[in-house]
């Protein structure tokens, strides 16, 4: 295929015009999308929050109107994520406004095959009752431990001594990756006061 200089200029000139028009249309679409978001959040209350998914702690701006979340986006002023969000954080709005979202606790009695919906007050009272019952049954004030002691002549002997431990081995606690430092501190204070020694944290970083 032979292409004259004149034909070449026509072809490249036409391509440039098409590119300019497409670029202009794209920019107009971007402005339009931004305007749609601005109209949607107009008059809404802006609240800073943290993404609930993992332990990175990305910042999210939540916009609420009439007690309902109407829009979420990354917080550009957040020191960790600076406005960026992963695919899960970017879709957090769908978790809040989801007809299949479970908003009440469910309970399955011993031997039962079905879960039933219960009230929060009942569930929290039941948890507290079971924690206390388990702690009372398994709490140890003292424990005998074998230790090595040196005699006056330098000989080591193994002896059994009783130490104060104030612990329960019947309960364990697993944290959440979405907890911040302050929440973790308060939970540690709480479960340690019960005497728990099996304390773990489910962080993903």
C-alpha atoms as a PDB file:
ATOM      1  CA  UNK A   1       0.000   0.000   0.000  1.00  0.00           C
ATOM      2  CA  UNK A   2       1.467   3.358  -1.090  1.00  0.00           C
ATOM      3  CA  UNK A   3       0.723   6.413   1.027  1.00  0.00           C
ATOM      4  CA  UNK A   4       1.424   9.868  -0.339  1.00  0.00           C
ATOM      5  CA  UNK A   5       2.563  12.729   1.854  1.00  0.00           C
ATOM      6  CA  UNK A   6      -0.815  14.421   1.382  1.00  0.00           C
ATOM      7  CA  UNK A   7      -2.761  11.281   2.377  1.00  0.00           C
ATOM      8  CA  UNK A   8      -0.485  10.818   5.407  1.00  0.00           C
ATOM      9  CA  UNK A   9      -1.224  14.343   6.661  1.00  0.00           C
ATOM     10  CA  UNK A  10      -4.957  13.819   6.151  1.00  0.00           C
ATOM     11  CA  UNK A  11      -4.888  10.540   8.064  1.00  0.00           C
ATOM     12  CA  UNK A  12      -2.821  11.786  11.008  1.00  0.00           C
ATOM     13  CA  UNK A  13      -4.786  15.037  11.182  1.00  0.00           C
ATOM     14  CA  UNK A  14      -8.077  13.132  11.326  1.00  0.00           C
ATOM     15  CA  UNK A  15      -6.714  10.865  14.089  1.00  0.00           C
ATOM     16  CA  UNK A  16      -5.663  13.892  16.128  1.00  0.00           C
ATOM     17  CA  UNK A  17      -9.142  15.422  15.802  1.00  0.00           C
ATOM     18  CA  UNK A  18     -10.827  12.157  16.859  1.00  0.00           C
ATOM     19  CA  UNK A  19      -8.463  11.860  19.846  1.00  0.00           C
ATOM     20  CA  UNK A  20      -9.215  15.436  20.923  1.00  0.00           C
ATOM     21  CA  UNK A  21     -12.972  14.911  20.684  1.00  0.00           C
ATOM     22  CA  UNK A  22     -12.748  11.639  22.635  1.00  0.00           C
ATOM     23  CA  UNK A  23     -10.599  13.271  25.296  1.00  0.00           C
ATOM     24  CA  UNK A  24     -13.022  16.185  25.627  1.00  0.00           C
ATOM     25  CA  UNK A  25     -15.966  13.806  25.914  1.00  0.00           C
ATOM     26  CA  UNK A  26     -14.130  11.791  28.581  1.00  0.00           C
ATOM     27  CA  UNK A  27     -13.335  14.905  30.617  1.00  0.00           C
ATOM     28  CA  UNK A  28     -16.955  16.013  30.354  1.00  0.00           C
ATOM     29  CA  UNK A  29     -18.039  12.585  31.606  1.00  0.00           C
ATOM     30  CA  UNK A  30     -15.656  12.817  34.572  1.00  0.00           C
ATOM     31  CA  UNK A  31     -16.980  16.249  35.527  1.00  0.00           C
ATOM     32  CA  UNK A  32     -20.518  14.950  35.197  1.00  0.00           C
ATOM     33  CA  UNK A  33     -19.776  11.993  37.503  1.00  0.00           C
ATOM     34  CA  UNK A  34     -18.212  14.313  40.077  1.00  0.00           C
ATOM     35  CA  UNK A  35     -21.259  16.566  39.900  1.00  0.00           C
ATOM     36  CA  UNK A  36     -23.537  13.573  40.463  1.00  0.00           C
ATOM     37  CA  UNK A  37     -21.642  12.655  43.636  1.00  0.00           C
ATOM     38  CA  UNK A  38     -21.708  16.255  44.874  1.00  0.00           C
ATOM     39  CA  UNK A  39     -25.452  16.453  44.325  1.00  0.00           C
ATOM     40  CA  UNK A  40     -25.954  13.154  46.123  1.00  0.00           C
ATOM     41  CA  UNK A  41     -24.059  14.195  49.275  1.00  0.00           C
ATOM     42  CA  UNK A  42     -25.378  17.761  49.340  1.00  0.00           C
ATOM     43  CA  UNK A  43     -26.722  18.477  52.829  1.00  0.00           C
ATOM     44  CA  UNK A  44     -25.389  15.168  54.213  1.00  0.00           C
ATOM     45  CA  UNK A  45     -23.344  14.846  57.411  1.00  0.00           C
ATOM     46  CA  UNK A  46     -19.701  13.872  56.796  1.00  0.00           C
ATOM     47  CA  UNK A  47     -18.120  11.519  59.356  1.00  0.00           C
ATOM     48  CA  UNK A  48     -14.601  10.087  59.371  1.00  0.00           C
ATOM     49  CA  UNK A  49     -14.346   6.382  60.110  1.00  0.00           C
ATOM     50  CA  UNK A  50     -12.072   3.360  59.600  1.00  0.00           C
ATOM     51  CA  UNK A  51     -12.579   0.541  57.107  1.00  0.00           C
ATOM     52  CA  UNK A  52     -13.804  -2.584  58.990  1.00  0.00           C
ATOM     53  CA  UNK A  53     -12.166  -5.197  56.786  1.00  0.00           C
ATOM     54  CA  UNK A  54      -8.504  -5.624  57.729  1.00  0.00           C
ATOM     55  CA  UNK A  55      -5.889  -4.242  60.090  1.00  0.00           C
ATOM     56  CA  UNK A  56      -4.401  -1.683  57.686  1.00  0.00           C
ATOM     57  CA  UNK A  57      -6.876   0.897  59.021  1.00  0.00           C
ATOM     58  CA  UNK A  58      -7.664   2.866  55.862  1.00  0.00           C
ATOM     59  CA  UNK A  59      -9.700   6.028  56.358  1.00  0.00           C
ATOM     60  CA  UNK A  60     -13.228   6.345  55.004  1.00  0.00           C
ATOM     61  CA  UNK A  61     -15.588   9.316  54.742  1.00  0.00           C
ATOM     62  CA  UNK A  62     -19.179   8.277  55.439  1.00  0.00           C
ATOM     63  CA  UNK A  63     -22.008  10.598  54.400  1.00  0.00           C
ATOM     64  CA  UNK A  64     -25.306  10.225  56.238  1.00  0.00           C
ATOM     65  CA  UNK A  65     -28.696  11.782  55.695  1.00  0.00           C
ATOM     66  CA  UNK A  66     -31.834  11.085  57.755  1.00  0.00           C
ATOM     67  CA  UNK A  67     -29.989   8.423  59.747  1.00  0.00           C
ATOM     68  CA  UNK A  68     -28.913   6.457  56.669  1.00  0.00           C
ATOM     69  CA  UNK A  69     -25.514   6.106  54.991  1.00  0.00           C
ATOM     70  CA  UNK A  70     -25.911   7.420  51.439  1.00  0.00           C
ATOM     71  CA  UNK A  71     -22.294   7.472  50.248  1.00  0.00           C
ATOM     72  CA  UNK A  72     -18.780   6.339  51.267  1.00  0.00           C
ATOM     73  CA  UNK A  73     -15.366   7.190  49.831  1.00  0.00           C
ATOM     74  CA  UNK A  74     -11.687   7.227  50.781  1.00  0.00           C
ATOM     75  CA  UNK A  75     -10.493   9.941  53.162  1.00  0.00           C
ATOM     76  CA  UNK A  76      -7.761  11.982  51.396  1.00  0.00           C
ATOM     77  CA  UNK A  77      -6.601  13.444  54.737  1.00  0.00           C
ATOM     78  CA  UNK A  78      -6.039  10.030  56.339  1.00  0.00           C
ATOM     79  CA  UNK A  79      -2.320   9.452  57.096  1.00  0.00           C
ATOM     80  CA  UNK A  80      -2.378   5.750  56.194  1.00  0.00           C
ATOM     81  CA  UNK A  81      -4.336   5.454  52.955  1.00  0.00           C
ATOM     82  CA  UNK A  82      -4.466   9.102  51.772  1.00  0.00           C
ATOM     83  CA  UNK A  83      -7.829   8.541  50.101  1.00  0.00           C
ATOM     84  CA  UNK A  84      -7.078   5.199  48.442  1.00  0.00           C
ATOM     85  CA  UNK A  85      -9.122   2.072  49.131  1.00  0.00           C
ATOM     86  CA  UNK A  86      -8.900  -1.541  47.997  1.00  0.00           C
ATOM     87  CA  UNK A  87     -11.843  -3.183  46.215  1.00  0.00           C
ATOM     88  CA  UNK A  88     -13.341  -4.309  49.532  1.00  0.00           C
ATOM     89  CA  UNK A  89     -13.026  -0.884  51.152  1.00  0.00           C
ATOM     90  CA  UNK A  90     -14.391   0.837  48.065  1.00  0.00           C
ATOM     91  CA  UNK A  91     -17.515  -1.345  48.187  1.00  0.00           C
ATOM     92  CA  UNK A  92     -18.153  -0.966  51.940  1.00  0.00           C
ATOM     93  CA  UNK A  93     -21.315   0.992  51.101  1.00  0.00           C
ATOM     94  CA  UNK A  94     -22.846  -2.276  49.876  1.00  0.00           C
ATOM     95  CA  UNK A  95     -22.372  -3.863  53.300  1.00  0.00           C
ATOM     96  CA  UNK A  96     -24.236  -1.088  55.075  1.00  0.00           C
ATOM     97  CA  UNK A  97     -27.133  -0.983  52.620  1.00  0.00           C
ATOM     98  CA  UNK A  98     -27.757  -4.674  52.091  1.00  0.00           C
ATOM     99  CA  UNK A  99     -31.179  -6.308  52.548  1.00  0.00           C
ATOM    100  CA  UNK A 100     -29.522  -9.619  53.513  1.00  0.00           C
ATOM    101  CA  UNK A 101     -27.344  -8.060  56.228  1.00  0.00           C
ATOM    102  CA  UNK A 102     -27.784  -9.749  59.630  1.00  0.00           C
ATOM    103  CA  UNK A 103     -28.539  -7.088  62.250  1.00  0.00           C
ATOM    104  CA  UNK A 104     -29.547  -9.320  65.178  1.00  0.00           C
ATOM    105  CA  UNK A 105     -27.645 -12.166  66.857  1.00  0.00           C
ATOM    106  CA  UNK A 106     -28.608 -15.759  66.110  1.00  0.00           C
ATOM    107  CA  UNK A 107     -28.548 -18.649  68.564  1.00  0.00           C
ATOM    108  CA  UNK A 108     -28.547 -22.407  68.085  1.00  0.00           C
ATOM    109  CA  UNK A 109     -29.392 -24.338  71.221  1.00  0.00           C
ATOM    110  CA  UNK A 110     -27.530 -27.516  72.123  1.00  0.00           C
ATOM    111  CA  UNK A 111     -28.835 -30.373  69.989  1.00  0.00           C
ATOM    112  CA  UNK A 112     -30.848 -28.074  67.726  1.00  0.00           C
ATOM    113  CA  UNK A 113     -30.357 -28.012  63.947  1.00  0.00           C
ATOM    114  CA  UNK A 114     -31.743 -24.542  63.279  1.00  0.00           C
ATOM    115  CA  UNK A 115     -30.538 -21.069  64.209  1.00  0.00           C
ATOM    116  CA  UNK A 116     -33.074 -18.687  65.677  1.00  0.00           C
ATOM    117  CA  UNK A 117     -32.988 -14.892  65.897  1.00  0.00           C
ATOM    118  CA  UNK A 118     -32.659 -13.499  69.428  1.00  0.00           C
ATOM    119  CA  UNK A 119     -32.531 -10.046  70.996  1.00  0.00           C
ATOM    120  CA  UNK A 120     -29.236  -8.337  71.820  1.00  0.00           C
ATOM    121  CA  UNK A 121     -30.084  -8.004  75.523  1.00  0.00           C
ATOM    122  CA  UNK A 122     -30.712 -11.743  75.813  1.00  0.00           C
ATOM    123  CA  UNK A 123     -27.538 -12.621  73.884  1.00  0.00           C
ATOM    124  CA  UNK A 124     -25.285 -10.328  75.950  1.00  0.00           C
ATOM    125  CA  UNK A 125     -26.785 -11.554  79.235  1.00  0.00           C
ATOM    126  CA  UNK A 126     -26.312 -15.169  78.109  1.00  0.00           C
ATOM    127  CA  UNK A 127     -22.678 -14.549  77.163  1.00  0.00           C
ATOM    128  CA  UNK A 128     -21.991 -12.849  80.514  1.00  0.00           C
ATOM    129  CA  UNK A 129     -23.662 -15.700  82.407  1.00  0.00           C
ATOM    130  CA  UNK A 130     -21.653 -18.375  80.586  1.00  0.00           C
ATOM    131  CA  UNK A 131     -18.383 -16.482  81.000  1.00  0.00           C
ATOM    132  CA  UNK A 132     -18.957 -16.245  84.762  1.00  0.00           C
ATOM    133  CA  UNK A 133     -19.993 -19.901  85.079  1.00  0.00           C
ATOM    134  CA  UNK A 134     -16.933 -21.095  83.148  1.00  0.00           C
ATOM    135  CA  UNK A 135     -14.590 -18.790  85.074  1.00  0.00           C
ATOM    136  CA  UNK A 136     -15.978 -19.930  88.438  1.00  0.00           C
ATOM    137  CA  UNK A 137     -15.546 -23.600  87.480  1.00  0.00           C
ATOM    138  CA  UNK A 138     -12.020 -23.298  86.093  1.00  0.00           C
ATOM    139  CA  UNK A 139     -10.454 -20.467  88.128  1.00  0.00           C
ATOM    140  CA  UNK A 140      -7.176 -21.285  89.885  1.00  0.00           C
ATOM    141  CA  UNK A 141      -5.916 -19.034  92.648  1.00  0.00           C
ATOM    142  CA  UNK A 142      -2.675 -20.975  93.110  1.00  0.00           C
ATOM    143  CA  UNK A 143      -0.733 -23.576  91.180  1.00  0.00           C
ATOM    144  CA  UNK A 144       2.096 -25.966  92.110  1.00  0.00           C
ATOM    145  CA  UNK A 145       5.141 -25.567  89.905  1.00  0.00           C
ATOM    146  CA  UNK A 146       8.438 -27.421  89.943  1.00  0.00           C
ATOM    147  CA  UNK A 147      11.466 -25.143  90.200  1.00  0.00           C
ATOM    148  CA  UNK A 148      15.180 -25.675  90.622  1.00  0.00           C
ATOM    149  CA  UNK A 149      16.920 -24.338  93.710  1.00  0.00           C
ATOM    150  CA  UNK A 150      20.585 -24.177  94.633  1.00  0.00           C
ATOM    151  CA  UNK A 151      21.675 -25.320  98.049  1.00  0.00           C
ATOM    152  CA  UNK A 152      24.493 -23.734 100.068  1.00  0.00           C
ATOM    153  CA  UNK A 153      27.013 -26.163  98.589  1.00  0.00           C
ATOM    154  CA  UNK A 154      25.964 -25.252  95.021  1.00  0.00           C
ATOM    155  CA  UNK A 155      23.926 -28.367  94.300  1.00  0.00           C
ATOM    156  CA  UNK A 156      20.729 -27.971  92.277  1.00  0.00           C
ATOM    157  CA  UNK A 157      17.624 -29.745  93.448  1.00  0.00           C
ATOM    158  CA  UNK A 158      14.112 -29.742  91.989  1.00  0.00           C
ATOM    159  CA  UNK A 159      11.388 -28.762  94.426  1.00  0.00           C
ATOM    160  CA  UNK A 160       7.663 -28.192  94.104  1.00  0.00           C
ATOM    161  CA  UNK A 161       6.358 -24.820  95.216  1.00  0.00           C
ATOM    162  CA  UNK A 162       2.947 -23.212  95.232  1.00  0.00           C
ATOM    163  CA  UNK A 163       2.576 -19.854  93.511  1.00  0.00           C
ATOM    164  CA  UNK A 164      -0.315 -17.399  93.246  1.00  0.00           C
ATOM    165  CA  UNK A 165      -1.531 -17.413  89.586  1.00  0.00           C
ATOM    166  CA  UNK A 166      -5.162 -16.160  89.622  1.00  0.00           C
ATOM    167  CA  UNK A 167      -5.976 -17.545  86.189  1.00  0.00           C
ATOM    168  CA  UNK A 168      -8.584 -19.471  84.250  1.00  0.00           C
ATOM    169  CA  UNK A 169      -7.688 -21.904  81.478  1.00  0.00           C
ATOM    170  CA  UNK A 170     -11.299 -22.531  80.479  1.00  0.00           C
ATOM    171  CA  UNK A 171     -11.715 -19.379  78.363  1.00  0.00           C
ATOM    172  CA  UNK A 172      -9.711 -18.013  75.430  1.00  0.00           C
ATOM    173  CA  UNK A 173     -10.031 -14.699  73.601  1.00  0.00           C
ATOM    174  CA  UNK A 174      -9.365 -13.971  69.925  1.00  0.00           C
ATOM    175  CA  UNK A 175      -9.236 -10.330  68.827  1.00  0.00           C
ATOM    176  CA  UNK A 176     -10.243  -8.768  65.543  1.00  0.00           C
ATOM    177  CA  UNK A 177      -8.076  -7.243  62.835  1.00  0.00           C
ATOM    178  CA  UNK A 178     -10.404  -4.258  62.677  1.00  0.00           C
ATOM    179  CA  UNK A 179      -9.708  -3.226  66.294  1.00  0.00           C
ATOM    180  CA  UNK A 180      -7.614  -0.121  66.852  1.00  0.00           C
ATOM    181  CA  UNK A 181      -4.895   0.194  69.517  1.00  0.00           C
ATOM    182  CA  UNK A 182      -7.213   1.727  72.102  1.00  0.00           C
ATOM    183  CA  UNK A 183      -9.821  -1.014  71.709  1.00  0.00           C
ATOM    184  CA  UNK A 184      -7.136  -3.710  71.942  1.00  0.00           C
ATOM    185  CA  UNK A 185      -5.792  -2.106  75.127  1.00  0.00           C
ATOM    186  CA  UNK A 186      -9.233  -2.044  76.758  1.00  0.00           C
ATOM    187  CA  UNK A 187      -9.958  -5.648  75.752  1.00  0.00           C
ATOM    188  CA  UNK A 188      -6.613  -6.762  77.177  1.00  0.00           C
ATOM    189  CA  UNK A 189      -7.385  -5.024  80.476  1.00  0.00           C
ATOM    190  CA  UNK A 190     -10.803  -6.695  80.567  1.00  0.00           C
ATOM    191  CA  UNK A 191      -9.835 -10.297  79.762  1.00  0.00           C
ATOM    192  CA  UNK A 192      -6.660 -10.171  81.872  1.00  0.00           C
ATOM    193  CA  UNK A 193      -8.783  -9.032  84.820  1.00  0.00           C
ATOM    194  CA  UNK A 194     -10.824 -12.217  84.365  1.00  0.00           C
ATOM    195  CA  UNK A 195      -7.616 -14.252  84.563  1.00  0.00           C
ATOM    196  CA  UNK A 196      -7.350 -15.277  80.908  1.00  0.00           C
ATOM    197  CA  UNK A 197      -3.963 -16.480  79.736  1.00  0.00           C
ATOM    198  CA  UNK A 198      -4.926 -17.661  76.247  1.00  0.00           C
ATOM    199  CA  UNK A 199      -5.193 -14.318  74.455  1.00  0.00           C
ATOM    200  CA  UNK A 200      -4.642 -14.046  70.694  1.00  0.00           C
ATOM    201  CA  UNK A 201      -5.127 -11.388  68.033  1.00  0.00           C
ATOM    202  CA  UNK A 202      -6.171 -11.897  64.424  1.00  0.00           C
ATOM    203  CA  UNK A 203      -4.149  -9.206  62.671  1.00  0.00           C
ATOM    204  CA  UNK A 204      -3.200  -9.576  59.018  1.00  0.00           C
ATOM    205  CA  UNK A 205      -0.149  -7.331  58.849  1.00  0.00           C
END
